[in-house]
Amino acid sequence: MKETPVNYEIVKRKIKECKIPNIGKATIREIKKLINEIEKETGDKYIRMEMGVPGLPPTSIGTEAEIKALKKGVAAIYPEIDGLPELKHEMTRFLKLFLGLEVPPENCIPTVGSLQGGYAAFMTVNRMYKEKDTTLFLDPCFPVHKQQHHVIGTKYEAFDVYNYRGEKLRNKLESFLSKGNIANMIYSNPNNPSWICFTNKELRIIAELADKYNVVVMEDLAYFAMDFRKDYSKPGIPPHQPTVAKYTDNFILFISSSKAFSYAGQRIGMMVISTKIFNTVAPGLKRYYTSDIFGRAMIFGTIYSLSAGTSHSAQYALAAILKAVNDGKFNFVEEVKEYGEKAKIMKKFFTDNGFKIVYDRDENEPLADGFYFTFSYPGFTGEQLLEELIYYGISAISLAITGSERLEGMRACVSLVDRKQFPDLEYRLKKFRENHK
């Protein structure tokens, strides 16, 4: 029996019992279930880094507004499919104050988490033009977006952007877009899982090519303003959160309330559609919808079919949160800086014990400390490292399931790791290094 922080034989048996052919390629939820089972039998608490979920309490501004709405009886009333007017108004204000964008309220649609916004957008955009039926992923990416494509039956292509930063991005993108089959391209900024952030130069390149080839850019802003190298927290005061929407009218944005606002449980996000896309007439839509106007097809076709709107009470919560943020009464960025502070400490534990940070730079600038970081260990692939670390009471996910070409790497999320666990993390990493010299 190997000497590991968690009972070797129990871990080995639990891995066998879970019947996953390759633990290294297991989904996030499969890993979560496996670790739950090991913790239950051994009594050992893991350093849980596999789930990209918030680790901070929700703001009382949201919960109190939602409770008030529920007491008024909104639970008995269907919400408007396109959203609560008060919420749409605050979404418009938020876009102006924190992104420098002018977007009318009708283009701002609350969704059941930004994940539903993505699902709805993939379905609708890829039906606009018969010849444009494919999504281009600027990998690495959130694995569930590709899972959505498999469920819908939509085609996609992908490449890892890390080797194509700066001006190199232009030719790489053009090699895909010039084929004429790409309807949209999607990325997250900051990126899940690598935490890279596109520079304004790169966003301009993406925008220019989107305009040249009539491609919709879908920008996932799930970690809004969480690049803590700059202060994006002051309403109406630059710098603003970088966005491709400053450089093109061919955009759809997804803004989550889960991470930046710590309001994940109520599943409410924001989908923002540019005026140009919202009003686009695309005959191809008539194959699936009663209207060939994109905005109407999206709201009364896709959103209506998926969920007939978004939780009524949660919309009141998000409206209250956004109003407080817009009025300068609630600094949401200050609340989530804890993630960056923990990441800085945790990354040092890893590097002090022989691990390497995989994605480490934005062009010439060191990467920010934030919600995620990536790591590797000499002699291991990410898949092998994932399975080995489970014996040491540490869980994460392999970059192999994210579209990354850095197959030696893993993604760690800092949110659920309590500072009280830091001594355990440091001890387990030291033990790992001792056993893997």
Protein backbone atom coordinates (compact mmCIF):
# COMPACT_ATOMS: atom_id res chain seq x y z
CA MET A 1 0.00 0.00 0.00
CA LYS A 2 1.33 3.44 -0.95
CA GLU A 3 1.73 6.07 1.76
CA THR A 4 -0.66 8.81 0.67
CA PRO A 5 -2.63 11.43 2.66
CA VAL A 6 -5.90 9.65 1.79
CA ASN A 7 -6.23 5.88 2.21
CA TYR A 8 -4.79 4.44 -0.98
CA GLU A 9 -6.90 1.26 -1.08
CA ILE A 10 -10.18 3.10 -0.50
CA VAL A 11 -9.42 5.62 -3.24
CA LYS A 12 -8.43 2.86 -5.63
CA ARG A 13 -11.65 0.95 -4.91
CA LYS A 14 -13.84 4.03 -5.28
CA ILE A 15 -12.25 4.86 -8.63
CA LYS A 16 -12.99 1.31 -9.79
CA GLU A 17 -16.58 1.45 -8.48
CA CYS A 18 -17.37 4.69 -10.30
CA LYS A 19 -16.91 2.81 -13.61
CA ILE A 20 -15.39 5.77 -15.45
CA PRO A 21 -13.01 4.35 -18.08
CA ASN A 22 -10.60 7.29 -17.83
CA ILE A 23 -10.75 9.45 -14.69
CA GLY A 24 -8.62 12.06 -16.44
CA LYS A 25 -11.40 12.67 -18.98
CA ALA A 26 -14.26 12.53 -16.50
CA THR A 27 -16.73 15.42 -16.51
CA ILE A 28 -16.68 17.95 -13.69
CA ARG A 29 -19.84 16.47 -12.15
CA GLU A 30 -18.45 12.93 -12.35
CA ILE A 31 -15.32 14.01 -10.48
CA LYS A 32 -17.46 15.80 -7.91
CA LYS A 33 -19.50 12.65 -7.27
CA LEU A 34 -16.36 10.50 -6.95
CA ILE A 35 -14.75 12.87 -4.43
CA ASN A 36 -18.01 13.03 -2.46
CA GLU A 37 -17.97 9.22 -2.18
CA ILE A 38 -14.32 9.12 -1.04
CA GLU A 39 -14.87 11.86 1.54
CA LYS A 40 -17.92 10.05 2.88
CA GLU A 41 -16.05 6.77 3.42
CA THR A 42 -12.69 8.10 4.61
CA GLY A 43 -13.82 11.14 6.56
CA ASP A 44 -10.99 13.10 4.93
CA LYS A 45 -11.82 16.55 3.59
CA TYR A 46 -10.49 17.22 0.10
CA ILE A 47 -9.03 20.39 -1.32
CA ARG A 48 -11.94 20.83 -3.73
CA MET A 49 -10.87 22.64 -6.89
CA GLU A 50 -12.91 20.83 -9.53
CA MET A 51 -16.10 22.92 -9.44
CA GLY A 52 -16.16 26.47 -10.80
CA VAL A 53 -18.78 27.66 -8.33
CA PRO A 54 -18.90 30.72 -6.05
CA GLY A 55 -17.49 30.40 -2.57
CA LEU A 56 -18.79 33.66 -1.10
CA PRO A 57 -22.18 34.39 0.49
CA PRO A 58 -24.80 36.18 -1.65
CA THR A 59 -25.33 39.87 -1.13
CA SER A 60 -28.25 40.68 1.17
CA ILE A 61 -29.35 43.32 -1.36
CA GLY A 62 -30.47 40.54 -3.68
CA THR A 63 -31.94 38.16 -1.12
CA GLU A 64 -33.94 40.89 0.61
CA ALA A 65 -35.35 42.16 -2.70
CA GLU A 66 -36.29 38.62 -3.68
CA ILE A 67 -37.97 37.90 -0.35
CA LYS A 68 -39.94 41.12 -0.66
CA ALA A 69 -41.04 40.17 -4.19
CA LEU A 70 -42.11 36.71 -3.07
CA LYS A 71 -44.15 38.18 -0.22
CA LYS A 72 -45.90 40.37 -2.79
CA GLY A 73 -46.99 37.19 -4.60
CA VAL A 74 -44.88 37.24 -7.76
CA ALA A 75 -44.40 33.47 -7.49
CA ALA A 76 -47.99 33.09 -8.75
CA ILE A 77 -47.45 35.28 -11.81
CA TYR A 78 -45.69 34.41 -15.06
CA PRO A 79 -42.88 36.88 -15.78
CA GLU A 80 -42.66 38.63 -19.14
CA ILE A 81 -40.62 36.47 -21.51
CA ASP A 82 -38.23 39.31 -22.33
CA GLY A 83 -37.76 40.34 -18.71
CA LEU A 84 -38.90 42.63 -15.92
CA PRO A 85 -38.89 46.30 -17.07
CA GLU A 86 -37.02 47.44 -13.93
CA LEU A 87 -34.33 44.83 -14.54
CA LYS A 88 -33.95 45.68 -18.22
CA HIS A 89 -33.54 49.35 -17.26
CA GLU A 90 -30.78 48.55 -14.76
CA MET A 91 -29.08 46.23 -17.26
CA THR A 92 -28.93 49.14 -19.73
CA ARG A 93 -27.45 51.41 -17.06
CA PHE A 94 -24.90 48.74 -16.09
CA LEU A 95 -23.75 48.35 -19.69
CA LYS A 96 -23.28 52.12 -20.00
CA LEU A 97 -21.48 52.56 -16.68
CA PHE A 98 -19.22 49.49 -16.68
CA LEU A 99 -18.70 48.73 -20.39
CA GLY A 100 -19.25 52.14 -21.96
CA LEU A 101 -21.97 50.71 -24.24
CA GLU A 102 -25.28 52.18 -25.38
CA VAL A 103 -27.74 49.29 -25.61
CA PRO A 104 -31.54 49.78 -25.40
CA PRO A 105 -33.52 47.87 -22.76
CA GLU A 106 -35.35 45.76 -25.36
CA ASN A 107 -32.01 44.14 -26.30
CA CYS A 108 -31.29 43.12 -22.68
CA ILE A 109 -32.84 39.76 -21.82
CA PRO A 110 -32.61 37.94 -18.48
CA THR A 111 -31.93 34.22 -18.89
CA VAL A 112 -31.82 31.16 -16.64
CA GLY A 113 -28.15 31.71 -15.94
CA SER A 114 -25.86 32.88 -18.73
CA LEU A 115 -25.59 29.20 -19.69
CA GLN A 116 -29.17 29.28 -20.97
CA GLY A 117 -28.32 32.48 -22.80
CA GLY A 118 -25.54 30.64 -24.60
CA TYR A 119 -27.81 27.71 -25.43
CA ALA A 120 -30.46 30.03 -26.87
CA ALA A 121 -27.89 32.01 -28.85
CA PHE A 122 -26.27 28.92 -30.38
CA MET A 123 -29.68 27.64 -31.45
CA THR A 124 -30.79 30.92 -33.01
CA VAL A 125 -27.59 32.28 -34.58
CA ASN A 126 -26.71 29.00 -36.27
CA ARG A 127 -30.11 29.06 -38.01
CA MET A 128 -29.86 32.56 -39.49
CA TYR A 129 -28.15 31.52 -42.72
CA LYS A 130 -28.33 28.08 -44.26
CA GLU A 131 -24.65 28.06 -45.27
CA LYS A 132 -23.44 29.27 -41.82
CA ASP A 133 -24.09 26.40 -39.44
CA THR A 134 -20.89 26.13 -37.36
CA THR A 135 -19.51 27.68 -34.15
CA LEU A 136 -15.82 28.51 -33.75
CA PHE A 137 -14.51 28.03 -30.20
CA LEU A 138 -11.53 30.12 -29.18
CA ASP A 139 -10.28 27.47 -26.79
CA PRO A 140 -9.73 26.62 -24.03
CA CYS A 141 -13.39 26.90 -23.13
CA PHE A 142 -16.13 26.08 -20.66
CA PRO A 143 -16.78 22.38 -21.52
CA VAL A 144 -20.57 22.65 -21.17
CA HIS A 145 -20.80 24.98 -24.17
CA LYS A 146 -19.50 22.18 -26.36
CA GLN A 147 -21.83 19.76 -24.60
CA GLN A 148 -24.69 22.06 -25.62
CA HIS A 149 -23.60 21.75 -29.23
CA HIS A 150 -23.69 17.97 -28.98
CA VAL A 151 -27.20 18.13 -27.48
CA ILE A 152 -28.49 20.56 -30.11
CA GLY A 153 -26.69 18.78 -32.94
CA THR A 154 -24.75 21.88 -34.01
CA LYS A 155 -21.33 21.70 -35.63
CA TYR A 156 -18.25 23.38 -34.16
CA GLU A 157 -14.57 23.91 -34.85
CA ALA A 158 -11.93 25.01 -32.36
CA PHE A 159 -8.33 25.98 -31.69
CA ASP A 160 -6.28 26.87 -28.61
CA VAL A 161 -5.60 30.62 -28.70
CA TYR A 162 -2.56 30.54 -26.43
CA ASN A 163 -0.10 30.07 -29.30
CA TYR A 164 -1.83 32.78 -31.34
CA ARG A 165 -1.77 35.82 -29.10
CA GLY A 166 -1.48 39.34 -30.42
CA GLU A 167 -1.22 39.86 -34.18
CA LYS A 168 -0.81 36.10 -34.73
CA LEU A 169 -4.50 35.76 -33.89
CA ARG A 170 -5.54 37.46 -37.14
CA ASN A 171 -4.25 34.86 -39.60
CA LYS A 172 -5.39 31.97 -37.43
CA LEU A 173 -8.95 33.31 -37.21
CA GLU A 174 -9.03 34.11 -40.91
CA SER A 175 -8.04 30.54 -41.77
CA PHE A 176 -11.33 29.41 -40.21
CA LEU A 177 -13.63 32.32 -41.10
CA SER A 178 -12.64 32.45 -44.77
CA LYS A 179 -14.28 29.05 -45.34
CA GLY A 180 -17.70 30.72 -45.04
CA ASN A 181 -19.37 28.18 -42.72
CA ILE A 182 -18.81 29.93 -39.38
CA ALA A 183 -21.93 31.57 -37.94
CA ASN A 184 -20.44 32.64 -34.63
CA MET A 185 -17.32 32.48 -32.51
CA ILE A 186 -17.27 32.29 -28.72
CA TYR A 187 -14.76 32.81 -25.93
CA SER A 188 -14.76 33.85 -22.28
CA ASN A 189 -12.91 36.92 -21.01
CA PRO A 190 -11.39 36.39 -18.42
CA ASN A 191 -11.11 32.86 -19.68
CA ASN A 192 -12.43 29.71 -18.08
CA PRO A 193 -10.25 27.63 -17.56
CA SER A 194 -6.95 29.38 -18.31
CA TRP A 195 -7.70 32.85 -16.85
CA ILE A 196 -6.06 34.52 -19.85
CA CYS A 197 -7.60 37.87 -20.80
CA PHE A 198 -7.76 39.18 -24.34
CA THR A 199 -6.04 42.52 -24.86
CA ASN A 200 -7.82 45.41 -26.57
CA LYS A 201 -5.58 44.78 -29.60
CA GLU A 202 -6.84 41.19 -29.80
CA LEU A 203 -10.45 42.25 -29.31
CA ARG A 204 -10.08 44.68 -32.23
CA ILE A 205 -8.76 41.86 -34.42
CA ILE A 206 -11.72 39.64 -33.49
CA ALA A 207 -14.11 42.53 -34.20
CA GLU A 208 -12.55 43.40 -37.57
CA LEU A 209 -12.79 39.83 -38.80
CA ALA A 210 -16.34 39.43 -37.45
CA ASP A 211 -17.34 42.43 -39.56
CA LYS A 212 -15.42 41.22 -42.61
CA TYR A 213 -17.05 37.76 -42.59
CA ASN A 214 -20.44 38.67 -41.05
CA VAL A 215 -19.90 36.49 -37.98
CA VAL A 216 -21.57 37.01 -34.59
CA VAL A 217 -19.11 37.26 -31.69
CA MET A 218 -20.40 35.69 -28.48
CA GLU A 219 -18.48 37.00 -25.50
CA ASP A 220 -18.92 35.17 -22.21
CA LEU A 221 -18.35 37.66 -19.38
CA ALA A 222 -19.07 35.21 -16.56
CA TYR A 223 -16.15 36.66 -14.56
CA PHE A 224 -17.04 40.28 -15.15
CA ALA A 225 -14.39 42.78 -13.91
CA MET A 226 -12.50 39.97 -12.15
CA ASP A 227 -9.17 40.70 -13.85
CA PHE A 228 -7.90 42.36 -10.69
CA ARG A 229 -4.83 43.90 -12.36
CA LYS A 230 -7.05 46.91 -13.14
CA ASP A 231 -9.88 48.49 -11.19
CA TYR A 232 -13.13 48.12 -13.14
CA SER A 233 -15.31 48.74 -10.08
CA LYS A 234 -16.19 52.45 -10.38
CA PRO A 235 -19.48 53.17 -12.21
CA GLY A 236 -18.96 55.53 -15.14
CA ILE A 237 -15.23 55.91 -14.51
CA PRO A 238 -12.72 54.28 -16.90
CA PRO A 239 -11.15 51.84 -17.31
CA HIS A 240 -14.13 49.73 -18.32
CA GLN A 241 -14.25 45.94 -18.56
CA PRO A 242 -12.67 45.17 -21.97
CA THR A 243 -15.17 43.92 -24.54
CA VAL A 244 -15.33 43.22 -28.25
CA ALA A 245 -18.56 45.24 -28.28
CA LYS A 246 -16.48 48.44 -28.29
CA TYR A 247 -15.24 47.56 -31.78
CA THR A 248 -18.11 45.78 -33.56
CA ASP A 249 -21.91 45.70 -33.79
CA ASN A 250 -21.86 41.94 -34.42
CA PHE A 251 -22.03 40.83 -30.78
CA ILE A 252 -24.00 38.97 -28.14
CA LEU A 253 -22.77 39.23 -24.54
CA PHE A 254 -23.48 36.88 -21.66
CA ILE A 255 -23.13 38.35 -18.17
CA SER A 256 -23.51 35.97 -15.26
CA SER A 257 -24.79 36.86 -11.80
CA SER A 258 -23.19 33.71 -10.38
CA LYS A 259 -19.55 34.73 -9.89
CA ALA A 260 -19.28 38.52 -9.82
CA PHE A 261 -22.50 38.90 -7.80
CA SER A 262 -22.34 35.56 -5.91
CA TYR A 263 -25.96 34.82 -6.85
CA ALA A 264 -25.53 31.45 -8.52
CA GLY A 265 -28.32 29.48 -6.86
CA GLN A 266 -31.18 31.44 -8.37
CA ARG A 267 -29.95 30.78 -11.94
CA ILE A 268 -30.26 34.23 -13.46
CA GLY A 269 -27.98 35.81 -16.03
CA MET A 270 -28.09 38.44 -18.74
CA MET A 271 -28.00 38.16 -22.51
CA VAL A 272 -27.22 41.40 -24.35
CA ILE A 273 -27.79 41.55 -28.11
CA SER A 274 -26.43 44.38 -30.24
CA THR A 275 -29.02 46.53 -31.99
CA LYS A 276 -27.70 45.43 -35.37
CA ILE A 277 -28.09 41.72 -34.60
CA PHE A 278 -31.40 42.22 -32.77
CA ASN A 279 -32.93 43.88 -35.84
CA THR A 280 -31.27 41.65 -38.46
CA VAL A 281 -33.68 40.10 -40.97
CA ALA A 282 -32.42 36.62 -41.80
CA PRO A 283 -34.69 34.55 -44.10
CA GLY A 284 -33.12 31.34 -42.81
CA LEU A 285 -34.86 31.85 -39.47
CA LYS A 286 -38.25 31.22 -41.11
CA ARG A 287 -37.29 27.55 -41.38
CA TYR A 288 -37.71 27.31 -37.59
CA TYR A 289 -39.55 30.42 -36.37
CA THR A 290 -42.59 32.48 -37.26
CA SER A 291 -40.44 35.61 -37.61
CA ASP A 292 -37.32 36.25 -39.65
CA ILE A 293 -36.30 39.15 -37.36
CA PHE A 294 -33.56 37.89 -35.05
CA GLY A 295 -34.75 39.56 -31.83
CA ARG A 296 -38.31 38.28 -32.21
CA ALA A 297 -37.11 34.79 -33.13
CA MET A 298 -34.85 34.77 -30.08
CA ILE A 299 -37.45 35.95 -27.55
CA PHE A 300 -40.72 34.49 -28.85
CA GLY A 301 -39.17 31.44 -30.49
CA THR A 302 -36.14 30.16 -28.60
CA ILE A 303 -36.49 31.69 -25.11
CA TYR A 304 -40.23 31.02 -25.03
CA SER A 305 -39.67 27.39 -26.04
CA LEU A 306 -36.88 26.82 -23.53
CA SER A 307 -38.33 28.28 -20.34
CA ALA A 308 -41.00 30.91 -21.09
CA GLY A 309 -38.91 33.44 -19.22
CA THR A 310 -36.77 33.55 -16.11
CA SER A 311 -37.59 33.18 -12.39
CA HIS A 312 -39.81 36.15 -11.50
CA SER A 313 -38.47 36.73 -7.99
CA ALA A 314 -34.82 36.33 -9.05
CA GLN A 315 -35.31 39.13 -11.56
CA TYR A 316 -36.26 41.46 -8.71
CA ALA A 317 -33.11 40.35 -6.87
CA LEU A 318 -30.82 41.05 -9.82
CA ALA A 319 -32.54 44.38 -10.50
CA ALA A 320 -31.84 45.46 -6.90
CA ILE A 321 -28.21 44.31 -7.07
CA LEU A 322 -27.60 46.14 -10.34
CA LYS A 323 -29.28 49.30 -9.07
CA ALA A 324 -27.03 49.33 -6.00
CA VAL A 325 -23.97 48.73 -8.20
CA ASN A 326 -25.02 51.38 -10.73
CA ASP A 327 -25.72 53.93 -7.97
CA GLY A 328 -22.25 53.32 -6.49
CA LYS A 329 -23.69 51.90 -3.25
CA PHE A 330 -22.33 48.36 -3.71
CA ASN A 331 -18.79 47.65 -4.92
CA PHE A 332 -19.17 44.11 -6.25
CA VAL A 333 -15.51 43.87 -7.34
CA GLU A 334 -14.26 44.54 -3.82
CA GLU A 335 -16.41 41.65 -2.63
CA VAL A 336 -14.81 39.10 -4.97
CA LYS A 337 -11.15 40.14 -4.67
CA GLU A 338 -10.80 37.32 -2.16
CA TYR A 339 -10.55 34.93 -5.12
CA GLY A 340 -7.47 36.67 -6.47
CA GLU A 341 -5.82 36.85 -3.05
CA LYS A 342 -6.34 33.13 -2.47
CA ALA A 343 -5.07 32.27 -5.95
CA LYS A 344 -1.80 34.12 -5.34
CA ILE A 345 -1.12 32.10 -2.17
CA MET A 346 -2.22 28.77 -3.64
CA LYS A 347 -0.16 29.15 -6.82
CA LYS A 348 2.94 29.68 -4.68
CA PHE A 349 2.23 26.45 -2.77
CA PHE A 350 2.18 24.63 -6.11
CA THR A 351 5.27 26.25 -7.63
CA ASP A 352 7.25 25.84 -4.41
CA ASN A 353 6.67 22.10 -4.72
CA GLY A 354 7.79 21.53 -8.28
CA PHE A 355 4.55 22.32 -10.14
CA LYS A 356 4.45 24.69 -13.12
CA ILE A 357 1.80 27.24 -14.07
CA VAL A 358 0.64 26.27 -17.57
CA TYR A 359 -1.10 29.42 -18.86
CA ASP A 360 1.02 32.16 -17.34
CA ARG A 361 0.97 35.26 -19.57
CA ASP A 362 -1.26 37.65 -21.52
CA GLU A 363 1.09 38.43 -24.40
CA ASN A 364 3.98 40.06 -22.48
CA GLU A 365 2.18 40.60 -19.18
CA PRO A 366 2.06 38.09 -16.30
CA LEU A 367 -1.37 36.52 -15.88
CA ALA A 368 -3.72 37.86 -13.22
CA ASP A 369 -4.50 35.98 -10.02
CA GLY A 370 -8.17 35.11 -10.07
CA PHE A 371 -10.92 32.52 -9.95
CA TYR A 372 -8.88 29.85 -11.80
CA PHE A 373 -5.30 28.90 -12.43
CA THR A 374 -3.69 26.06 -14.37
CA PHE A 375 -0.84 23.81 -13.30
CA SER A 376 1.24 20.80 -14.37
CA TYR A 377 3.88 18.49 -12.92
CA PRO A 378 6.91 17.14 -14.81
CA GLY A 379 6.41 13.65 -16.21
CA PHE A 380 2.62 13.64 -16.06
CA THR A 381 -0.15 14.35 -18.51
CA GLY A 382 -3.08 16.27 -17.05
CA GLU A 383 -5.18 13.10 -17.10
CA GLN A 384 -2.55 11.13 -15.18
CA LEU A 385 -1.99 13.95 -12.73
CA LEU A 386 -5.70 14.25 -11.95
CA GLU A 387 -5.97 10.59 -10.97
CA GLU A 388 -2.75 10.67 -8.96
CA LEU A 389 -3.72 13.80 -7.00
CA ILE A 390 -6.97 12.18 -5.87
CA TYR A 391 -4.85 9.94 -3.61
CA TYR A 392 -3.41 13.10 -2.07
CA GLY A 393 -6.76 14.67 -1.21
CA ILE A 394 -6.68 17.21 -4.05
CA SER A 395 -9.26 17.44 -6.84
CA ALA A 396 -9.29 19.52 -10.02
CA ILE A 397 -10.07 18.89 -13.72
CA SER A 398 -7.89 18.00 -16.66
CA LEU A 399 -7.43 20.63 -19.36
CA ALA A 400 -8.06 17.81 -21.85
CA ILE A 401 -11.83 18.31 -21.48
CA THR A 402 -11.63 22.07 -22.18
CA GLY A 403 -10.23 22.03 -25.71
CA SER A 404 -6.79 23.07 -24.50
CA GLU A 405 -3.78 21.79 -26.40
CA ARG A 406 -1.77 21.89 -23.17
CA LEU A 407 -2.53 18.28 -22.30
CA GLU A 408 -0.02 18.30 -19.47
CA GLY A 409 -2.22 20.72 -17.54
CA MET A 410 -5.05 20.89 -15.04
CA ARG A 411 -7.49 23.61 -14.01
CA ALA A 412 -7.88 24.59 -10.38
CA CYS A 413 -10.73 26.72 -9.05
CA VAL A 414 -9.95 28.56 -5.82
CA SER A 415 -13.48 29.44 -4.75
CA LEU A 416 -14.33 26.48 -2.49
CA VAL A 417 -10.92 26.25 -0.81
CA ASP A 418 -11.10 27.73 2.67
CA ARG A 419 -8.02 29.54 3.95
CA LYS A 420 -8.12 27.16 6.93
CA GLN A 421 -7.24 24.40 4.44
CA PHE A 422 -4.03 26.07 3.28
CA PRO A 423 -1.82 24.10 5.71
CA ASP A 424 -3.38 20.84 4.45
CA LEU A 425 -2.84 21.88 0.83
CA GLU A 426 0.78 22.74 1.47
CA TYR A 427 1.38 19.46 3.34
CA ARG A 428 -0.25 17.35 0.60
CA LEU A 429 1.73 19.05 -2.16
CA LYS A 430 4.96 18.49 -0.23
CA LYS A 431 4.02 14.84 0.22
CA PHE A 432 3.29 14.56 -3.50
CA ARG A 433 6.69 16.00 -4.32
CA GLU A 434 8.43 13.60 -1.92
CA ASN A 435 6.79 10.64 -3.67
CA HIS A 436 7.38 11.93 -7.21
CA LYS A 437 10.96 13.19 -7.37
